[in-house]
PDB file of N, CA and C in Angstrom:
ATOM      1  N   MET A   1       0.861  -1.185   0.026  1.00  0.00           N
ATOM      2  CA  MET A   1       0.001   0.001   0.006  1.00  0.00           C
ATOM      3  C   MET A   1       0.909   1.241   0.000  1.00  0.00           C
ATOM      4  N   SER A   2       0.616   2.127  -0.929  1.00  0.00           N
ATOM      5  CA  SER A   2       1.413   3.373  -1.009  1.00  0.00           C
ATOM      6  C   SER A   2       0.994   4.350   0.057  1.00  0.00           C
ATOM      7  N   LEU A   3       1.943   5.162   0.501  1.00  0.00           N
ATOM      8  CA  LEU A   3       1.635   6.175   1.519  1.00  0.00           C
ATOM      9  C   LEU A   3       0.650   7.217   1.030  1.00  0.00           C
ATOM     10  N   TYR A   4       0.577   7.376  -0.317  1.00  0.00           N
ATOM     11  CA  TYR A   4      -0.350   8.372  -0.857  1.00  0.00           C
ATOM     12  C   TYR A   4      -1.780   7.862  -0.921  1.00  0.00           C
ATOM     13  N   ASN A   5      -1.979   6.576  -0.776  1.00  0.00           N
ATOM     14  CA  ASN A   5      -3.340   5.987  -0.834  1.00  0.00           C
ATOM     15  C   ASN A   5      -3.973   5.788   0.527  1.00  0.00           C
ATOM     16  N   ILE A   6      -3.232   6.054   1.614  1.00  0.00           N
ATOM     17  CA  ILE A   6      -3.737   5.808   2.947  1.00  0.00           C
ATOM     18  C   ILE A   6      -4.771   6.840   3.367  1.00  0.00           C
ATOM     19  N   ILE A   7      -4.523   8.079   3.131  1.00  0.00           N
ATOM     20  CA  ILE A   7      -5.472   9.171   3.475  1.00  0.00           C
ATOM     21  C   ILE A   7      -6.462   9.352   2.340  1.00  0.00           C
ATOM     22  N   LYS A   8      -7.742   9.171   2.672  1.00  0.00           N
ATOM     23  CA  LYS A   8      -8.768   9.302   1.616  1.00  0.00           C
ATOM     24  C   LYS A   8      -9.250  10.748   1.503  1.00  0.00           C
ATOM     25  N   ARG A   9      -9.626  11.367   2.640  1.00  0.00           N
ATOM     26  CA  ARG A   9     -10.138  12.724   2.559  1.00  0.00           C
ATOM     27  C   ARG A   9     -10.101  13.351   3.996  1.00  0.00           C
ATOM     28  N   PRO A  10     -10.044  14.672   4.060  1.00  0.00           N
ATOM     29  CA  PRO A  10     -10.160  15.311   5.387  1.00  0.00           C
ATOM     30  C   PRO A  10     -11.617  15.358   5.834  1.00  0.00           C
ATOM     31  N   ILE A  11     -11.849  15.295   7.113  1.00  0.00           N
ATOM     32  CA  ILE A  11     -13.182  15.452   7.680  1.00  0.00           C
ATOM     33  C   ILE A  11     -13.283  16.876   8.203  1.00  0.00           C
ATOM     34  N   VAL A  12     -14.182  17.642   7.572  1.00  0.00           N
ATOM     35  CA  VAL A  12     -14.326  19.048   7.984  1.00  0.00           C
ATOM     36  C   VAL A  12     -15.751  19.239   8.557  1.00  0.00           C
ATOM     37  N   THR A  13     -15.797  19.294   9.881  1.00  0.00           N
ATOM     38  CA  THR A  13     -17.024  19.513  10.626  1.00  0.00           C
ATOM     39  C   THR A  13     -16.787  20.553  11.687  1.00  0.00           C
ATOM     40  N   GLU A  14     -17.830  20.937  12.423  1.00  0.00           N
ATOM     41  CA  GLU A  14     -17.657  21.887  13.504  1.00  0.00           C
ATOM     42  C   GLU A  14     -16.703  21.343  14.581  1.00  0.00           C
ATOM     43  N   LYS A  15     -16.910  20.089  14.925  1.00  0.00           N
ATOM     44  CA  LYS A  15     -16.096  19.477  15.951  1.00  0.00           C
ATOM     45  C   LYS A  15     -14.596  19.415  15.505  1.00  0.00           C
ATOM     46  N   SER A  16     -14.374  19.011  14.279  1.00  0.00           N
ATOM     47  CA  SER A  16     -12.997  18.896  13.790  1.00  0.00           C
ATOM     48  C   SER A  16     -12.365  20.305  13.685  1.00  0.00           C
ATOM     49  N   SER A  17     -13.135  21.296  13.378  1.00  0.00           N
ATOM     50  CA  SER A  17     -12.619  22.676  13.321  1.00  0.00           C
ATOM     51  C   SER A  17     -12.204  23.158  14.692  1.00  0.00           C
ATOM     52  N   LEU A  18     -13.004  22.821  15.721  1.00  0.00           N
ATOM     53  CA  LEU A  18     -12.636  23.208  17.082  1.00  0.00           C
ATOM     54  C   LEU A  18     -11.374  22.477  17.530  1.00  0.00           C
ATOM     55  N   MET A  19     -11.251  21.211  17.156  1.00  0.00           N
ATOM     56  CA  MET A  19     -10.045  20.458  17.519  1.00  0.00           C
ATOM     57  C   MET A  19      -8.835  21.045  16.858  1.00  0.00           C
ATOM     58  N   LYS A  20      -8.998  21.528  15.627  1.00  0.00           N
ATOM     59  CA  LYS A  20      -7.859  22.125  14.889  1.00  0.00           C
ATOM     60  C   LYS A  20      -7.399  23.392  15.609  1.00  0.00           C
ATOM     61  N   GLU A  21      -8.369  24.232  16.038  1.00  0.00           N
ATOM     62  CA  GLU A  21      -8.005  25.494  16.706  1.00  0.00           C
ATOM     63  C   GLU A  21      -7.454  25.316  18.112  1.00  0.00           C
ATOM     64  N   GLN A  22      -8.047  24.421  18.881  1.00  0.00           N
ATOM     65  CA  GLN A  22      -7.690  24.282  20.275  1.00  0.00           C
ATOM     66  C   GLN A  22      -6.474  23.391  20.525  1.00  0.00           C
ATOM     67  N   SER A  23      -6.357  22.299  19.824  1.00  0.00           N
ATOM     68  CA  SER A  23      -5.294  21.342  20.132  1.00  0.00           C
ATOM     69  C   SER A  23      -4.429  20.984  18.923  1.00  0.00           C
ATOM     70  N   ASN A  24      -4.540  21.700  17.822  1.00  0.00           N
ATOM     71  CA  ASN A  24      -3.741  21.462  16.643  1.00  0.00           C
ATOM     72  C   ASN A  24      -3.869  20.021  16.177  1.00  0.00           C
ATOM     73  N   ALA A  25      -5.137  19.528  16.135  1.00  0.00           N
ATOM     74  CA  ALA A  25      -5.398  18.134  15.703  1.00  0.00           C
ATOM     75  C   ALA A  25      -6.260  18.172  14.451  1.00  0.00           C
ATOM     76  N   TYR A  26      -6.006  17.308  13.521  1.00  0.00           N
ATOM     77  CA  TYR A  26      -6.708  17.230  12.253  1.00  0.00           C
ATOM     78  C   TYR A  26      -7.329  15.850  12.138  1.00  0.00           C
ATOM     79  N   VAL A  27      -8.515  15.789  11.453  1.00  0.00           N
ATOM     80  CA  VAL A  27      -9.252  14.552  11.343  1.00  0.00           C
ATOM     81  C   VAL A  27      -9.297  14.138   9.861  1.00  0.00           C
ATOM     82  N   PHE A  28      -8.966  12.863   9.589  1.00  0.00           N
ATOM     83  CA  PHE A  28      -8.973  12.321   8.226  1.00  0.00           C
ATOM     84  C   PHE A  28      -9.735  11.009   8.160  1.00  0.00           C
ATOM     85  N   GLU A  29     -10.305  10.731   6.990  1.00  0.00           N
ATOM     86  CA  GLU A  29     -10.790   9.387   6.731  1.00  0.00           C
ATOM     87  C   GLU A  29      -9.648   8.647   6.094  1.00  0.00           C
ATOM     88  N   VAL A  30      -9.349   7.463   6.600  1.00  0.00           N
ATOM     89  CA  VAL A  30      -8.172   6.697   6.147  1.00  0.00           C
ATOM     90  C   VAL A  30      -8.601   5.305   5.727  1.00  0.00           C
ATOM     91  N   GLU A  31      -7.702   4.569   5.059  1.00  0.00           N
ATOM     92  CA  GLU A  31      -7.891   3.161   4.685  1.00  0.00           C
ATOM     93  C   GLU A  31      -8.162   2.362   5.930  1.00  0.00           C
ATOM     94  N   LYS A  32      -9.096   1.442   5.816  1.00  0.00           N
ATOM     95  CA  LYS A  32      -9.479   0.627   6.982  1.00  0.00           C
ATOM     96  C   LYS A  32      -8.308  -0.282   7.437  1.00  0.00           C
ATOM     97  N   SER A  33      -7.433  -0.654   6.492  1.00  0.00           N
ATOM     98  CA  SER A  33      -6.352  -1.581   6.871  1.00  0.00           C
ATOM     99  C   SER A  33      -5.099  -0.863   7.371  1.00  0.00           C
ATOM    100  N   ALA A  34      -5.113   0.502   7.368  1.00  0.00           N
ATOM    101  CA  ALA A  34      -3.919   1.256   7.787  1.00  0.00           C
ATOM    102  C   ALA A  34      -3.800   1.250   9.306  1.00  0.00           C
ATOM    103  N   ASP A  35      -2.545   1.169   9.789  1.00  0.00           N
ATOM    104  CA  ASP A  35      -2.314   1.279  11.223  1.00  0.00           C
ATOM    105  C   ASP A  35      -1.763   2.621  11.550  1.00  0.00           C
ATOM    106  N   LYS A  36      -1.546   2.886  12.839  1.00  0.00           N
ATOM    107  CA  LYS A  36      -1.144   4.239  13.292  1.00  0.00           C
ATOM    108  C   LYS A  36       0.242   4.641  12.720  1.00  0.00           C
ATOM    109  N   VAL A  37       1.115   3.709  12.582  1.00  0.00           N
ATOM    110  CA  VAL A  37       2.478   4.005  12.083  1.00  0.00           C
ATOM    111  C   VAL A  37       2.406   4.457  10.629  1.00  0.00           C
ATOM    112  N   LEU A  38       1.613   3.731   9.832  1.00  0.00           N
ATOM    113  CA  LEU A  38       1.468   4.114   8.410  1.00  0.00           C
ATOM    114  C   LEU A  38       0.761   5.449   8.248  1.00  0.00           C
ATOM    115  N   ILE A  39      -0.208   5.724   9.094  1.00  0.00           N
ATOM    116  CA  ILE A  39      -0.908   7.005   9.039  1.00  0.00           C
ATOM    117  C   ILE A  39       0.047   8.126   9.388  1.00  0.00           C
ATOM    118  N   LYS A  40       0.859   7.947  10.377  1.00  0.00           N
ATOM    119  CA  LYS A  40       1.816   8.956  10.823  1.00  0.00           C
ATOM    120  C   LYS A  40       2.812   9.245   9.691  1.00  0.00           C
ATOM    121  N   LYS A  41       3.379   8.205   9.096  1.00  0.00           N
ATOM    122  CA  LYS A  41       4.327   8.377   7.997  1.00  0.00           C
ATOM    123  C   LYS A  41       3.665   9.072   6.800  1.00  0.00           C
ATOM    124  N   SER A  42       2.454   8.677   6.496  1.00  0.00           N
ATOM    125  CA  SER A  42       1.752   9.300   5.384  1.00  0.00           C
ATOM    126  C   SER A  42       1.511  10.813   5.561  1.00  0.00           C
ATOM    127  N   VAL A  43       1.046  11.207   6.733  1.00  0.00           N
ATOM    128  CA  VAL A  43       0.772  12.623   6.983  1.00  0.00           C
ATOM    129  C   VAL A  43       2.089  13.423   6.962  1.00  0.00           C
ATOM    130  N   GLU A  44       3.133  12.835   7.567  1.00  0.00           N
ATOM    131  CA  GLU A  44       4.418  13.575   7.590  1.00  0.00           C
ATOM    132  C   GLU A  44       4.987  13.733   6.189  1.00  0.00           C
ATOM    133  N   GLN A  45       4.850  12.720   5.343  1.00  0.00           N
ATOM    134  CA  GLN A  45       5.339  12.842   3.966  1.00  0.00           C
ATOM    135  C   GLN A  45       4.496  13.737   3.105  1.00  0.00           C
ATOM    136  N   LEU A  46       3.182  13.659   3.233  1.00  0.00           N
ATOM    137  CA  LEU A  46       2.279  14.426   2.348  1.00  0.00           C
ATOM    138  C   LEU A  46       2.306  15.915   2.705  1.00  0.00           C
ATOM    139  N   PHE A  47       2.306  16.269   3.987  1.00  0.00           N
ATOM    140  CA  PHE A  47       2.141  17.695   4.393  1.00  0.00           C
ATOM    141  C   PHE A  47       3.373  18.306   5.003  1.00  0.00           C
ATOM    142  N   ASN A  48       4.469  17.563   5.081  1.00  0.00           N
ATOM    143  CA  ASN A  48       5.753  18.092   5.623  1.00  0.00           C
ATOM    144  C   ASN A  48       5.586  18.704   7.008  1.00  0.00           C
ATOM    145  N   VAL A  49       4.965  17.968   7.906  1.00  0.00           N
ATOM    146  CA  VAL A  49       4.767  18.400   9.317  1.00  0.00           C
ATOM    147  C   VAL A  49       5.281  17.281  10.228  1.00  0.00           C
ATOM    148  N   LYS A  50       5.418  17.619  11.528  1.00  0.00           N
ATOM    149  CA  LYS A  50       5.840  16.661  12.525  1.00  0.00           C
ATOM    150  C   LYS A  50       4.612  16.208  13.318  1.00  0.00           C
ATOM    151  N   VAL A  51       4.327  14.897  13.300  1.00  0.00           N
ATOM    152  CA  VAL A  51       3.153  14.375  13.986  1.00  0.00           C
ATOM    153  C   VAL A  51       3.538  13.981  15.418  1.00  0.00           C
ATOM    154  N   LYS A  52       2.683  14.429  16.379  1.00  0.00           N
ATOM    155  CA  LYS A  52       2.891  14.120  17.775  1.00  0.00           C
ATOM    156  C   LYS A  52       2.213  12.799  18.138  1.00  0.00           C
ATOM    157  N   SER A  53       0.956  12.631  17.754  1.00  0.00           N
ATOM    158  CA  SER A  53       0.247  11.391  18.061  1.00  0.00           C
ATOM    159  C   SER A  53      -0.848  11.125  17.038  1.00  0.00           C
ATOM    160  N   VAL A  54      -1.299   9.876  16.980  1.00  0.00           N
ATOM    161  CA  VAL A  54      -2.389   9.489  16.067  1.00  0.00           C
ATOM    162  C   VAL A  54      -3.359   8.632  16.900  1.00  0.00           C
ATOM    163  N   LYS A  55      -4.630   8.977  16.818  1.00  0.00           N
ATOM    164  CA  LYS A  55      -5.699   8.193  17.449  1.00  0.00           C
ATOM    165  C   LYS A  55      -6.596   7.721  16.310  1.00  0.00           C
ATOM    166  N   THR A  56      -7.015   6.445  16.367  1.00  0.00           N
ATOM    167  CA  THR A  56      -7.886   5.892  15.315  1.00  0.00           C
ATOM    168  C   THR A  56      -9.121   5.319  15.928  1.00  0.00           C
ATOM    169  N   LEU A  57     -10.154   5.261  15.080  1.00  0.00           N
ATOM    170  CA  LEU A  57     -11.407   4.637  15.496  1.00  0.00           C
ATOM    171  C   LEU A  57     -12.159   4.167  14.264  1.00  0.00           C
ATOM    172  N   ILE A  58     -12.962   3.116  14.436  1.00  0.00           N
ATOM    173  CA  ILE A  58     -13.783   2.636  13.340  1.00  0.00           C
ATOM    174  C   ILE A  58     -15.148   3.226  13.542  1.00  0.00           C
ATOM    175  N   GLN A  59     -15.618   3.990  12.495  1.00  0.00           N
ATOM    176  CA  GLN A  59     -16.962   4.616  12.547  1.00  0.00           C
ATOM    177  C   GLN A  59     -17.923   3.590  11.918  1.00  0.00           C
ATOM    178  N   ARG A  60     -18.867   3.131  12.699  1.00  0.00           N
ATOM    179  CA  ARG A  60     -19.809   2.171  12.179  1.00  0.00           C
ATOM    180  C   ARG A  60     -20.747   2.787  11.178  1.00  0.00           C
ATOM    181  N   GLY A  61     -21.216   1.985  10.216  1.00  0.00           N
ATOM    182  CA  GLY A  61     -22.130   2.476   9.192  1.00  0.00           C
ATOM    183  C   GLY A  61     -23.493   2.753   9.807  1.00  0.00           C
ATOM    184  N   LYS A  62     -24.223   3.688   9.201  1.00  0.00           N
ATOM    185  CA  LYS A  62     -25.537   4.064   9.698  1.00  0.00           C
ATOM    186  C   LYS A  62     -26.583   3.204   8.996  1.00  0.00           C
ATOM    187  N   TYR A  63     -27.664   2.962   9.735  1.00  0.00           N
ATOM    188  CA  TYR A  63     -28.797   2.287   9.101  1.00  0.00           C
ATOM    189  C   TYR A  63     -29.609   3.263   8.309  1.00  0.00           C
ATOM    190  N   LYS A  64     -29.908   2.895   7.076  1.00  0.00           N
ATOM    191  CA  LYS A  64     -30.681   3.749   6.158  1.00  0.00           C
ATOM    192  C   LYS A  64     -31.849   2.979   5.640  1.00  0.00           C
ATOM    193  N   LYS A  65     -32.930   3.705   5.294  1.00  0.00           N
ATOM    194  CA  LYS A  65     -34.089   3.116   4.755  1.00  0.00           C
ATOM    195  C   LYS A  65     -34.235   3.535   3.301  1.00  0.00           C
ATOM    196  N   TYR A  66     -34.330   2.576   2.427  1.00  0.00           N
ATOM    197  CA  TYR A  66     -34.483   2.773   1.007  1.00  0.00           C
ATOM    198  C   TYR A  66     -35.849   2.269   0.581  1.00  0.00           C
ATOM    199  N   GLY A  67     -36.860   3.164   0.700  1.00  0.00           N
ATOM    200  CA  GLY A  67     -38.238   2.694   0.440  1.00  0.00           C
ATOM    201  C   GLY A  67     -38.657   1.720   1.491  1.00  0.00           C
ATOM    202  N   LYS A  68     -39.004   0.496   1.049  1.00  0.00           N
ATOM    203  CA  LYS A  68     -39.412  -0.521   2.006  1.00  0.00           C
ATOM    204  C   LYS A  68     -38.182  -1.290   2.595  1.00  0.00           C
ATOM    205  N   ASP A  69     -37.097  -1.240   1.854  1.00  0.00           N
ATOM    206  CA  ASP A  69     -35.903  -1.955   2.291  1.00  0.00           C
ATOM    207  C   ASP A  69     -35.083  -1.140   3.302  1.00  0.00           C
ATOM    208  N   THR A  70     -34.453  -1.825   4.178  1.00  0.00           N
ATOM    209  CA  THR A  70     -33.479  -1.177   5.104  1.00  0.00           C
ATOM    210  C   THR A  70     -32.096  -1.695   4.765  1.00  0.00           C
ATOM    211  N   GLY A  71     -31.130  -0.815   4.826  1.00  0.00           N
ATOM    212  CA  GLY A  71     -29.793  -1.197   4.550  1.00  0.00           C
ATOM    213  C   GLY A  71     -28.843  -0.464   5.523  1.00  0.00           C
ATOM    214  N   ARG A  72     -27.597  -0.576   5.192  1.00  0.00           N
ATOM    215  CA  ARG A  72     -26.605  -0.002   6.097  1.00  0.00           C
ATOM    216  C   ARG A  72     -25.441   0.543   5.237  1.00  0.00           C
ATOM    217  N   THR A  73     -24.970   1.725   5.574  1.00  0.00           N
ATOM    218  CA  THR A  73     -23.829   2.287   4.878  1.00  0.00           C
ATOM    219  C   THR A  73     -22.571   1.591   5.367  1.00  0.00           C
ATOM    220  N   LYS A  74     -21.488   1.728   4.634  1.00  0.00           N
ATOM    221  CA  LYS A  74     -20.241   1.034   5.003  1.00  0.00           C
ATOM    222  C   LYS A  74     -19.586   1.631   6.238  1.00  0.00           C
ATOM    223  N   SER A  75     -18.935   0.836   6.993  1.00  0.00           N
ATOM    224  CA  SER A  75     -18.124   1.309   8.121  1.00  0.00           C
ATOM    225  C   SER A  75     -16.857   1.911   7.516  1.00  0.00           C
ATOM    226  N   TRP A  76     -16.245   2.874   8.267  1.00  0.00           N
ATOM    227  CA  TRP A  76     -15.028   3.498   7.790  1.00  0.00           C
ATOM    228  C   TRP A  76     -14.143   3.861   8.955  1.00  0.00           C
ATOM    229  N   LYS A  77     -12.853   4.122   8.646  1.00  0.00           N
ATOM    230  CA  LYS A  77     -11.905   4.382   9.726  1.00  0.00           C
ATOM    231  C   LYS A  77     -11.538   5.871   9.749  1.00  0.00           C
ATOM    232  N   LYS A  78     -11.523   6.407  10.927  1.00  0.00           N
ATOM    233  CA  LYS A  78     -11.204   7.836  11.178  1.00  0.00           C
ATOM    234  C   LYS A  78      -9.932   7.938  11.959  1.00  0.00           C
ATOM    235  N   ALA A  79      -9.099   8.912  11.586  1.00  0.00           N
ATOM    236  CA  ALA A  79      -7.838   9.132  12.307  1.00  0.00           C
ATOM    237  C   ALA A  79      -7.773  10.570  12.777  1.00  0.00           C
ATOM    238  N   VAL A  80      -7.500  10.765  14.067  1.00  0.00           N
ATOM    239  CA  VAL A  80      -7.263  12.090  14.603  1.00  0.00           C
ATOM    240  C   VAL A  80      -5.772  12.247  14.793  1.00  0.00           C
ATOM    241  N   VAL A  81      -5.182  13.177  13.994  1.00  0.00           N
ATOM    242  CA  VAL A  81      -3.725  13.376  13.970  1.00  0.00           C
ATOM    243  C   VAL A  81      -3.383  14.652  14.674  1.00  0.00           C
ATOM    244  N   SER A  82      -2.630  14.557  15.788  1.00  0.00           N
ATOM    245  CA  SER A  82      -2.135  15.729  16.512  1.00  0.00           C
ATOM    246  C   SER A  82      -0.742  16.115  16.004  1.00  0.00           C
ATOM    247  N   LEU A  83      -0.539  17.418  15.738  1.00  0.00           N
ATOM    248  CA  LEU A  83       0.756  17.891  15.255  1.00  0.00           C
ATOM    249  C   LEU A  83       1.526  18.526  16.383  1.00  0.00           C
ATOM    250  N   SER A  84       2.828  18.320  16.436  1.00  0.00           N
ATOM    251  CA  SER A  84       3.633  18.974  17.456  1.00  0.00           C
ATOM    252  C   SER A  84       3.827  20.449  17.152  1.00  0.00           C
ATOM    253  N   ASP A  85       4.107  20.780  15.894  1.00  0.00           N
ATOM    254  CA  ASP A  85       4.174  22.173  15.469  1.00  0.00           C
ATOM    255  C   ASP A  85       3.930  22.175  13.960  1.00  0.00           C
ATOM    256  N   GLY A  86       3.505  23.368  13.466  1.00  0.00           N
ATOM    257  CA  GLY A  86       3.151  23.509  12.042  1.00  0.00           C
ATOM    258  C   GLY A  86       1.669  23.369  11.818  1.00  0.00           C
ATOM    259  N   LYS A  87       1.250  23.682  10.628  1.00  0.00           N
ATOM    260  CA  LYS A  87      -0.145  23.618  10.229  1.00  0.00           C
ATOM    261  C   LYS A  87      -0.247  22.977   8.871  1.00  0.00           C
ATOM    262  N   ILE A  88      -1.428  22.416   8.625  1.00  0.00           N
ATOM    263  CA  ILE A  88      -1.693  21.848   7.292  1.00  0.00           C
ATOM    264  C   ILE A  88      -2.519  22.917   6.531  1.00  0.00           C
ATOM    265  N   GLU A  89      -1.994  23.349   5.445  1.00  0.00           N
ATOM    266  CA  GLU A  89      -2.602  24.439   4.678  1.00  0.00           C
ATOM    267  C   GLU A  89      -3.889  24.048   3.999  1.00  0.00           C
ATOM    268  N   LEU A  90      -4.122  22.741   3.879  1.00  0.00           N
ATOM    269  CA  LEU A  90      -5.298  22.243   3.222  1.00  0.00           C
ATOM    270  C   LEU A  90      -6.582  22.740   3.891  1.00  0.00           C
ATOM    271  N   PHE A  91      -6.543  22.892   5.195  1.00  0.00           N
ATOM    272  CA  PHE A  91      -7.751  23.267   5.991  1.00  0.00           C
ATOM    273  C   PHE A  91      -7.924  24.786   6.095  1.00  0.00           C
ATOM    274  N   GLU A  92      -6.974  25.576   5.685  1.00  0.00           N
ATOM    275  CA  GLU A  92      -7.106  27.030   5.827  1.00  0.00           C
ATOM    276  C   GLU A  92      -8.163  27.546   4.862  1.00  0.00           C
ATOM    277  N   GLY A  93      -9.051  28.388   5.384  1.00  0.00           N
ATOM    278  CA  GLY A  93     -10.079  29.020   4.548  1.00  0.00           C
ATOM    279  C   GLY A  93     -11.303  28.168   4.342  1.00  0.00           C
ATOM    280  N   VAL A  94     -11.411  27.037   5.060  1.00  0.00           N
ATOM    281  CA  VAL A  94     -12.566  26.154   4.883  1.00  0.00           C
ATOM    282  C   VAL A  94     -13.568  26.473   5.987  1.00  0.00           C
TER     283      VAL A  94
END
């Protein structure tokens, strides 16, 4: 698995914006098979920053109703990446 394929997209919500301002932590959707070491290497290489810690969690899929049928969206993995110093410019102005 390439380091460029580990991070799928940034998660931009009110809660993640507060985390960014208060504790310099950024939230990403990542590959489900990626571990904390790979996520740390990927963020450091992609954004040229120093990562302090990585916290991961599996976000369960939500139950949805499609007419008469009920289904479930896919589960996905979320990573909260804390930076020791520096910022990721991707989130500026969002």
